[in-house]
Amino acid sequence: MASKRTIKKQLNGMIFDVVDECFSVQLYKTSQTEVTNKLIDEALDYRDQVLAQIHQAKTKKDYPVIYEQLEDKAVYFVEQLNGLQ
């Protein structure tokens, strides 16, 4: 079962990976800087949104739903990063 700690840990790891990969793309493909900056902003906005959802969750039954959304968004970010390559 997903817990608040697990969700936050997964979220921070995912956001770190997205930002790190965006910086790597910027290093090797300077033409992609604008696109990667938008993706970084989107990732950070998503992080804030999920943290707000976690803090608004009233019971532990809300956490699996948030965790599923996190997994779906992780797939989205991977697809976006693969499109930059």
PDB file of N, CA and C in Angstrom:
ATOM      1  N   MET A   1       0.844  -1.182   0.000  1.00  0.00           N
ATOM      2  CA  MET A   1       0.000   0.000   0.000  1.00  0.00           C
ATOM      3  C   MET A   1       0.887   1.243   0.000  1.00  0.00           C
ATOM      4  N   ALA A   2       0.502   2.214  -0.741  1.00  0.00           N
ATOM      5  CA  ALA A   2       1.268   3.451  -0.838  1.00  0.00           C
ATOM      6  C   ALA A   2       1.100   4.263   0.438  1.00  0.00           C
ATOM      7  N   SER A   3       2.210   4.780   0.907  1.00  0.00           N
ATOM      8  CA  SER A   3       2.168   5.645   2.075  1.00  0.00           C
ATOM      9  C   SER A   3       2.630   7.041   1.663  1.00  0.00           C
ATOM     10  N   LYS A   4       2.428   7.977   2.541  1.00  0.00           N
ATOM     11  CA  LYS A   4       2.827   9.356   2.265  1.00  0.00           C
ATOM     12  C   LYS A   4       4.335   9.426   2.010  1.00  0.00           C
ATOM     13  N   ARG A   5       5.081   8.718   2.802  1.00  0.00           N
ATOM     14  CA  ARG A   5       6.543   8.726   2.661  1.00  0.00           C
ATOM     15  C   ARG A   5       6.976   8.126   1.321  1.00  0.00           C
ATOM     16  N   THR A   6       6.363   7.023   0.943  1.00  0.00           N
ATOM     17  CA  THR A   6       6.697   6.368  -0.323  1.00  0.00           C
ATOM     18  C   THR A   6       6.370   7.267  -1.510  1.00  0.00           C
ATOM     19  N   ILE A   7       5.222   7.893  -1.456  1.00  0.00           N
ATOM     20  CA  ILE A   7       4.813   8.761  -2.561  1.00  0.00           C
ATOM     21  C   ILE A   7       5.774   9.937  -2.694  1.00  0.00           C
ATOM     22  N   LYS A   8       6.115  10.555  -1.586  1.00  0.00           N
ATOM     23  CA  LYS A   8       7.039  11.696  -1.632  1.00  0.00           C
ATOM     24  C   LYS A   8       8.415  11.274  -2.145  1.00  0.00           C
ATOM     25  N   LYS A   9       8.860  10.112  -1.712  1.00  0.00           N
ATOM     26  CA  LYS A   9      10.166   9.609  -2.147  1.00  0.00           C
ATOM     27  C   LYS A   9      10.167   9.334  -3.651  1.00  0.00           C
ATOM     28  N   GLN A  10       9.127   8.686  -4.138  1.00  0.00           N
ATOM     29  CA  GLN A  10       8.999   8.400  -5.570  1.00  0.00           C
ATOM     30  C   GLN A  10       8.892   9.698  -6.370  1.00  0.00           C
ATOM     31  N   LEU A  11       8.118  10.627  -5.866  1.00  0.00           N
ATOM     32  CA  LEU A  11       7.914  11.904  -6.547  1.00  0.00           C
ATOM     33  C   LEU A  11       9.227  12.664  -6.677  1.00  0.00           C
ATOM     34  N   ASN A  12       9.946  12.790  -5.588  1.00  0.00           N
ATOM     35  CA  ASN A  12      11.210  13.526  -5.625  1.00  0.00           C
ATOM     36  C   ASN A  12      12.233  12.843  -6.525  1.00  0.00           C
ATOM     37  N   GLY A  13      12.268  11.522  -6.503  1.00  0.00           N
ATOM     38  CA  GLY A  13      13.179  10.797  -7.387  1.00  0.00           C
ATOM     39  C   GLY A  13      12.838  11.008  -8.853  1.00  0.00           C
ATOM     40  N   MET A  14      11.542  10.962  -9.162  1.00  0.00           N
ATOM     41  CA  MET A  14      11.111  11.153 -10.542  1.00  0.00           C
ATOM     42  C   MET A  14      11.443  12.559 -11.031  1.00  0.00           C
ATOM     43  N   ILE A  15      11.152  13.562 -10.219  1.00  0.00           N
ATOM     44  CA  ILE A  15      11.413  14.945 -10.610  1.00  0.00           C
ATOM     45  C   ILE A  15      12.912  15.170 -10.772  1.00  0.00           C
ATOM     46  N   PHE A  16      13.720  14.615  -9.869  1.00  0.00           N
ATOM     47  CA  PHE A  16      15.166  14.742  -9.992  1.00  0.00           C
ATOM     48  C   PHE A  16      15.652  14.133 -11.297  1.00  0.00           C
ATOM     49  N   ASP A  17      15.136  12.955 -11.641  1.00  0.00           N
ATOM     50  CA  ASP A  17      15.540  12.293 -12.880  1.00  0.00           C
ATOM     51  C   ASP A  17      15.152  13.109 -14.108  1.00  0.00           C
ATOM     52  N   VAL A  18      13.965  13.677 -14.106  1.00  0.00           N
ATOM     53  CA  VAL A  18      13.508  14.487 -15.244  1.00  0.00           C
ATOM     54  C   VAL A  18      14.395  15.722 -15.405  1.00  0.00           C
ATOM     55  N   VAL A  19      14.643  16.418 -14.313  1.00  0.00           N
ATOM     56  CA  VAL A  19      15.465  17.630 -14.372  1.00  0.00           C
ATOM     57  C   VAL A  19      16.889  17.281 -14.791  1.00  0.00           C
ATOM     58  N   ASP A  20      17.436  16.216 -14.246  1.00  0.00           N
ATOM     59  CA  ASP A  20      18.787  15.792 -14.589  1.00  0.00           C
ATOM     60  C   ASP A  20      18.905  15.452 -16.074  1.00  0.00           C
ATOM     61  N   GLU A  21      17.930  14.724 -16.573  1.00  0.00           N
ATOM     62  CA  GLU A  21      17.946  14.357 -17.997  1.00  0.00           C
ATOM     63  C   GLU A  21      17.781  15.586 -18.884  1.00  0.00           C
ATOM     64  N   CYS A  22      16.952  16.523 -18.468  1.00  0.00           N
ATOM     65  CA  CYS A  22      16.783  17.759 -19.241  1.00  0.00           C
ATOM     66  C   CYS A  22      18.093  18.543 -19.310  1.00  0.00           C
ATOM     67  N   PHE A  23      18.801  18.607 -18.194  1.00  0.00           N
ATOM     68  CA  PHE A  23      20.090  19.305 -18.199  1.00  0.00           C
ATOM     69  C   PHE A  23      21.093  18.588 -19.098  1.00  0.00           C
ATOM     70  N   SER A  24      21.042  17.268 -19.126  1.00  0.00           N
ATOM     71  CA  SER A  24      21.923  16.510 -20.013  1.00  0.00           C
ATOM     72  C   SER A  24      21.607  16.805 -21.476  1.00  0.00           C
ATOM     73  N   VAL A  25      20.330  16.865 -21.803  1.00  0.00           N
ATOM     74  CA  VAL A  25      19.928  17.181 -23.178  1.00  0.00           C
ATOM     75  C   VAL A  25      20.377  18.592 -23.532  1.00  0.00           C
ATOM     76  N   GLN A  26      20.232  19.521 -22.606  1.00  0.00           N
ATOM     77  CA  GLN A  26      20.667  20.896 -22.859  1.00  0.00           C
ATOM     78  C   GLN A  26      22.168  20.970 -23.097  1.00  0.00           C
ATOM     79  N   LEU A  27      22.921  20.141 -22.410  1.00  0.00           N
ATOM     80  CA  LEU A  27      24.369  20.144 -22.552  1.00  0.00           C
ATOM     81  C   LEU A  27      24.793  19.702 -23.944  1.00  0.00           C
ATOM     82  N   TYR A  28      24.115  18.702 -24.486  1.00  0.00           N
ATOM     83  CA  TYR A  28      24.515  18.147 -25.771  1.00  0.00           C
ATOM     84  C   TYR A  28      23.725  18.683 -26.955  1.00  0.00           C
ATOM     85  N   LYS A  29      22.542  19.196 -26.716  1.00  0.00           N
ATOM     86  CA  LYS A  29      21.722  19.760 -27.791  1.00  0.00           C
ATOM     87  C   LYS A  29      21.217  21.124 -27.343  1.00  0.00           C
ATOM     88  N   THR A  30      21.978  22.142 -27.621  1.00  0.00           N
ATOM     89  CA  THR A  30      21.605  23.487 -27.171  1.00  0.00           C
ATOM     90  C   THR A  30      20.338  23.980 -27.861  1.00  0.00           C
ATOM     91  N   SER A  31      19.982  23.408 -28.982  1.00  0.00           N
ATOM     92  CA  SER A  31      18.761  23.815 -29.672  1.00  0.00           C
ATOM     93  C   SER A  31      17.497  23.378 -28.919  1.00  0.00           C
ATOM     94  N   GLN A  32      17.635  22.452 -27.997  1.00  0.00           N
ATOM     95  CA  GLN A  32      16.493  21.936 -27.239  1.00  0.00           C
ATOM     96  C   GLN A  32      16.300  22.666 -25.911  1.00  0.00           C
ATOM     97  N   THR A  33      17.024  23.747 -25.675  1.00  0.00           N
ATOM     98  CA  THR A  33      16.990  24.419 -24.378  1.00  0.00           C
ATOM     99  C   THR A  33      15.594  24.905 -24.016  1.00  0.00           C
ATOM    100  N   GLU A  34      14.906  25.512 -24.946  1.00  0.00           N
ATOM    101  CA  GLU A  34      13.582  26.053 -24.648  1.00  0.00           C
ATOM    102  C   GLU A  34      12.595  24.939 -24.308  1.00  0.00           C
ATOM    103  N   VAL A  35      12.650  23.857 -25.049  1.00  0.00           N
ATOM    104  CA  VAL A  35      11.743  22.732 -24.817  1.00  0.00           C
ATOM    105  C   VAL A  35      12.035  22.082 -23.462  1.00  0.00           C
ATOM    106  N   THR A  36      13.304  21.898 -23.157  1.00  0.00           N
ATOM    107  CA  THR A  36      13.651  21.265 -21.884  1.00  0.00           C
ATOM    108  C   THR A  36      13.314  22.170 -20.698  1.00  0.00           C
ATOM    109  N   ASN A  37      13.460  23.470 -20.867  1.00  0.00           N
ATOM    110  CA  ASN A  37      13.076  24.387 -19.785  1.00  0.00           C
ATOM    111  C   ASN A  37      11.578  24.293 -19.497  1.00  0.00           C
ATOM    112  N   LYS A  38      10.777  24.164 -20.543  1.00  0.00           N
ATOM    113  CA  LYS A  38       9.332  24.000 -20.348  1.00  0.00           C
ATOM    114  C   LYS A  38       9.023  22.687 -19.637  1.00  0.00           C
ATOM    115  N   LEU A  39       9.749  21.637 -19.990  1.00  0.00           N
ATOM    116  CA  LEU A  39       9.535  20.335 -19.350  1.00  0.00           C
ATOM    117  C   LEU A  39       9.941  20.384 -17.873  1.00  0.00           C
ATOM    118  N   ILE A  40      11.017  21.081 -17.568  1.00  0.00           N
ATOM    119  CA  ILE A  40      11.443  21.250 -16.175  1.00  0.00           C
ATOM    120  C   ILE A  40      10.372  22.007 -15.397  1.00  0.00           C
ATOM    121  N   ASP A  41       9.874  23.086 -15.976  1.00  0.00           N
ATOM    122  CA  ASP A  41       8.816  23.859 -15.309  1.00  0.00           C
ATOM    123  C   ASP A  41       7.576  23.009 -15.076  1.00  0.00           C
ATOM    124  N   GLU A  42       7.221  22.201 -16.069  1.00  0.00           N
ATOM    125  CA  GLU A  42       6.054  21.330 -15.948  1.00  0.00           C
ATOM    126  C   GLU A  42       6.264  20.305 -14.836  1.00  0.00           C
ATOM    127  N   ALA A  43       7.463  19.745 -14.763  1.00  0.00           N
ATOM    128  CA  ALA A  43       7.762  18.760 -13.728  1.00  0.00           C
ATOM    129  C   ALA A  43       7.687  19.381 -12.334  1.00  0.00           C
ATOM    130  N   LEU A  44       8.233  20.569 -12.185  1.00  0.00           N
ATOM    131  CA  LEU A  44       8.207  21.226 -10.879  1.00  0.00           C
ATOM    132  C   LEU A  44       6.793  21.647 -10.486  1.00  0.00           C
ATOM    133  N   ASP A  45       6.008  22.086 -11.455  1.00  0.00           N
ATOM    134  CA  ASP A  45       4.609  22.411 -11.173  1.00  0.00           C
ATOM    135  C   ASP A  45       3.846  21.156 -10.753  1.00  0.00           C
ATOM    136  N   TYR A  46       4.128  20.053 -11.421  1.00  0.00           N
ATOM    137  CA  TYR A  46       3.472  18.793 -11.070  1.00  0.00           C
ATOM    138  C   TYR A  46       3.848  18.365  -9.653  1.00  0.00           C
ATOM    139  N   ARG A  47       5.111  18.562  -9.288  1.00  0.00           N
ATOM    140  CA  ARG A  47       5.557  18.232  -7.930  1.00  0.00           C
ATOM    141  C   ARG A  47       4.759  19.026  -6.898  1.00  0.00           C
ATOM    142  N   ASP A  48       4.619  20.308  -7.137  1.00  0.00           N
ATOM    143  CA  ASP A  48       3.843  21.140  -6.215  1.00  0.00           C
ATOM    144  C   ASP A  48       2.395  20.672  -6.123  1.00  0.00           C
ATOM    145  N   GLN A  49       1.835  20.288  -7.259  1.00  0.00           N
ATOM    146  CA  GLN A  49       0.447  19.816  -7.304  1.00  0.00           C
ATOM    147  C   GLN A  49       0.284  18.528  -6.490  1.00  0.00           C
ATOM    148  N   VAL A  50       1.202  17.596  -6.654  1.00  0.00           N
ATOM    149  CA  VAL A  50       1.098  16.325  -5.935  1.00  0.00           C
ATOM    150  C   VAL A  50       1.300  16.543  -4.431  1.00  0.00           C
ATOM    151  N   LEU A  51       2.238  17.393  -4.072  1.00  0.00           N
ATOM    152  CA  LEU A  51       2.431  17.672  -2.650  1.00  0.00           C
ATOM    153  C   LEU A  51       1.176  18.284  -2.035  1.00  0.00           C
ATOM    154  N   ALA A  52       0.506  19.139  -2.788  1.00  0.00           N
ATOM    155  CA  ALA A  52      -0.754  19.706  -2.296  1.00  0.00           C
ATOM    156  C   ALA A  52      -1.809  18.616  -2.137  1.00  0.00           C
ATOM    157  N   GLN A  53      -1.869  17.678  -3.073  1.00  0.00           N
ATOM    158  CA  GLN A  53      -2.824  16.571  -2.969  1.00  0.00           C
ATOM    159  C   GLN A  53      -2.523  15.708  -1.747  1.00  0.00           C
ATOM    160  N   ILE A  54      -1.249  15.486  -1.482  1.00  0.00           N
ATOM    161  CA  ILE A  54      -0.862  14.677  -0.332  1.00  0.00           C
ATOM    162  C   ILE A  54      -1.303  15.359   0.965  1.00  0.00           C
ATOM    163  N   HIS A  55      -1.079  16.655   1.037  1.00  0.00           N
ATOM    164  CA  HIS A  55      -1.434  17.379   2.253  1.00  0.00           C
ATOM    165  C   HIS A  55      -2.951  17.492   2.429  1.00  0.00           C
ATOM    166  N   GLN A  56      -3.693  17.439   1.337  1.00  0.00           N
ATOM    167  CA  GLN A  56      -5.150  17.517   1.416  1.00  0.00           C
ATOM    168  C   GLN A  56      -5.805  16.161   1.658  1.00  0.00           C
ATOM    169  N   ALA A  57      -5.040  15.095   1.486  1.00  0.00           N
ATOM    170  CA  ALA A  57      -5.591  13.756   1.677  1.00  0.00           C
ATOM    171  C   ALA A  57      -6.051  13.589   3.121  1.00  0.00           C
ATOM    172  N   LYS A  58      -7.261  13.131   3.268  1.00  0.00           N
ATOM    173  CA  LYS A  58      -7.843  13.005   4.603  1.00  0.00           C
ATOM    174  C   LYS A  58      -7.574  11.630   5.228  1.00  0.00           C
ATOM    175  N   THR A  59      -7.506  10.601   4.394  1.00  0.00           N
ATOM    176  CA  THR A  59      -7.266   9.257   4.906  1.00  0.00           C
ATOM    177  C   THR A  59      -6.215   8.562   4.049  1.00  0.00           C
ATOM    178  N   LYS A  60      -5.775   7.425   4.526  1.00  0.00           N
ATOM    179  CA  LYS A  60      -4.787   6.646   3.778  1.00  0.00           C
ATOM    180  C   LYS A  60      -5.371   6.052   2.509  1.00  0.00           C
ATOM    181  N   LYS A  61      -6.680   6.026   2.404  1.00  0.00           N
ATOM    182  CA  LYS A  61      -7.322   5.492   1.208  1.00  0.00           C
ATOM    183  C   LYS A  61      -7.126   6.409   0.009  1.00  0.00           C
ATOM    184  N   ASP A  62      -6.761   7.651   0.240  1.00  0.00           N
ATOM    185  CA  ASP A  62      -6.516   8.599  -0.848  1.00  0.00           C
ATOM    186  C   ASP A  62      -5.150   8.393  -1.491  1.00  0.00           C
ATOM    187  N   TYR A  63      -4.219   7.769  -0.778  1.00  0.00           N
ATOM    188  CA  TYR A  63      -2.854   7.628  -1.269  1.00  0.00           C
ATOM    189  C   TYR A  63      -2.710   6.733  -2.499  1.00  0.00           C
ATOM    190  N   PRO A  64      -3.413   5.600  -2.595  1.00  0.00           N
ATOM    191  CA  PRO A  64      -3.260   4.784  -3.809  1.00  0.00           C
ATOM    192  C   PRO A  64      -3.663   5.524  -5.089  1.00  0.00           C
ATOM    193  N   VAL A  65      -4.658   6.366  -5.001  1.00  0.00           N
ATOM    194  CA  VAL A  65      -5.087   7.136  -6.170  1.00  0.00           C
ATOM    195  C   VAL A  65      -3.981   8.104  -6.589  1.00  0.00           C
ATOM    196  N   ILE A  66      -3.392   8.767  -5.619  1.00  0.00           N
ATOM    197  CA  ILE A  66      -2.294   9.703  -5.904  1.00  0.00           C
ATOM    198  C   ILE A  66      -1.112   8.944  -6.487  1.00  0.00           C
ATOM    199  N   TYR A  67      -0.838   7.756  -5.945  1.00  0.00           N
ATOM    200  CA  TYR A  67       0.278   6.944  -6.424  1.00  0.00           C
ATOM    201  C   TYR A  67       0.070   6.510  -7.876  1.00  0.00           C
ATOM    202  N   GLU A  68      -1.156   6.142  -8.218  1.00  0.00           N
ATOM    203  CA  GLU A  68      -1.449   5.763  -9.604  1.00  0.00           C
ATOM    204  C   GLU A  68      -1.256   6.941 -10.551  1.00  0.00           C
ATOM    205  N   GLN A  69      -1.684   8.128 -10.136  1.00  0.00           N
ATOM    206  CA  GLN A  69      -1.493   9.325 -10.949  1.00  0.00           C
ATOM    207  C   GLN A  69      -0.006   9.603 -11.140  1.00  0.00           C
ATOM    208  N   LEU A  70       0.767   9.363 -10.098  1.00  0.00           N
ATOM    209  CA  LEU A  70       2.208   9.561 -10.160  1.00  0.00           C
ATOM    210  C   LEU A  70       2.843   8.622 -11.180  1.00  0.00           C
ATOM    211  N   GLU A  71       2.410   7.373 -11.180  1.00  0.00           N
ATOM    212  CA  GLU A  71       2.936   6.407 -12.141  1.00  0.00           C
ATOM    213  C   GLU A  71       2.575   6.801 -13.575  1.00  0.00           C
ATOM    214  N   ASP A  72       1.358   7.260 -13.785  1.00  0.00           N
ATOM    215  CA  ASP A  72       0.941   7.689 -15.120  1.00  0.00           C
ATOM    216  C   ASP A  72       1.758   8.887 -15.586  1.00  0.00           C
ATOM    217  N   LYS A  73       2.004   9.813 -14.701  1.00  0.00           N
ATOM    218  CA  LYS A  73       2.773  11.007 -15.067  1.00  0.00           C
ATOM    219  C   LYS A  73       4.231  10.646 -15.324  1.00  0.00           C
ATOM    220  N   ALA A  74       4.744   9.638 -14.635  1.00  0.00           N
ATOM    221  CA  ALA A  74       6.110   9.183 -14.877  1.00  0.00           C
ATOM    222  C   ALA A  74       6.243   8.659 -16.305  1.00  0.00           C
ATOM    223  N   VAL A  75       5.251   7.917 -16.757  1.00  0.00           N
ATOM    224  CA  VAL A  75       5.254   7.414 -18.135  1.00  0.00           C
ATOM    225  C   VAL A  75       5.220   8.594 -19.112  1.00  0.00           C
ATOM    226  N   TYR A  76       4.412   9.587 -18.808  1.00  0.00           N
ATOM    227  CA  TYR A  76       4.317  10.787 -19.653  1.00  0.00           C
ATOM    228  C   TYR A  76       5.677  11.478 -19.762  1.00  0.00           C
ATOM    229  N   PHE A  77       6.358  11.649 -18.635  1.00  0.00           N
ATOM    230  CA  PHE A  77       7.658  12.321 -18.662  1.00  0.00           C
ATOM    231  C   PHE A  77       8.696  11.505 -19.434  1.00  0.00           C
ATOM    232  N   VAL A  78       8.656  10.206 -19.298  1.00  0.00           N
ATOM    233  CA  VAL A  78       9.587   9.356 -20.048  1.00  0.00           C
ATOM    234  C   VAL A  78       9.343   9.504 -21.549  1.00  0.00           C
ATOM    235  N   GLU A  79       8.085   9.537 -21.940  1.00  0.00           N
ATOM    236  CA  GLU A  79       7.764   9.725 -23.363  1.00  0.00           C
ATOM    237  C   GLU A  79       8.247  11.075 -23.866  1.00  0.00           C
ATOM    238  N   GLN A  80       8.075  12.102 -23.067  1.00  0.00           N
ATOM    239  CA  GLN A  80       8.525  13.446 -23.450  1.00  0.00           C
ATOM    240  C   GLN A  80      10.050  13.479 -23.579  1.00  0.00           C
ATOM    241  N   LEU A  81      10.740  12.866 -22.647  1.00  0.00           N
ATOM    242  CA  LEU A  81      12.213  12.843 -22.708  1.00  0.00           C
ATOM    243  C   LEU A  81      12.710  12.028 -23.881  1.00  0.00           C
ATOM    244  N   ASN A  82      12.047  10.924 -24.183  1.00  0.00           N
ATOM    245  CA  ASN A  82      12.433  10.123 -25.333  1.00  0.00           C
ATOM    246  C   ASN A  82      12.218  10.899 -26.634  1.00  0.00           C
ATOM    247  N   GLY A  83      11.235  11.767 -26.656  1.00  0.00           N
ATOM    248  CA  GLY A  83      10.998  12.580 -27.837  1.00  0.00           C
ATOM    249  C   GLY A  83      12.086  13.618 -28.075  1.00  0.00           C
ATOM    250  N   LEU A  84      12.802  13.980 -27.030  1.00  0.00           N
ATOM    251  CA  LEU A  84      13.884  14.967 -27.162  1.00  0.00           C
ATOM    252  C   LEU A  84      15.153  14.335 -27.725  1.00  0.00           C
ATOM    253  N   GLN A  85      15.316  13.045 -27.557  1.00  0.00           N
ATOM    254  CA  GLN A  85      16.549  12.384 -27.941  1.00  0.00           C
ATOM    255  C   GLN A  85      16.715  12.271 -29.402  1.00  0.00           C
TER     256      GLN A  85
END
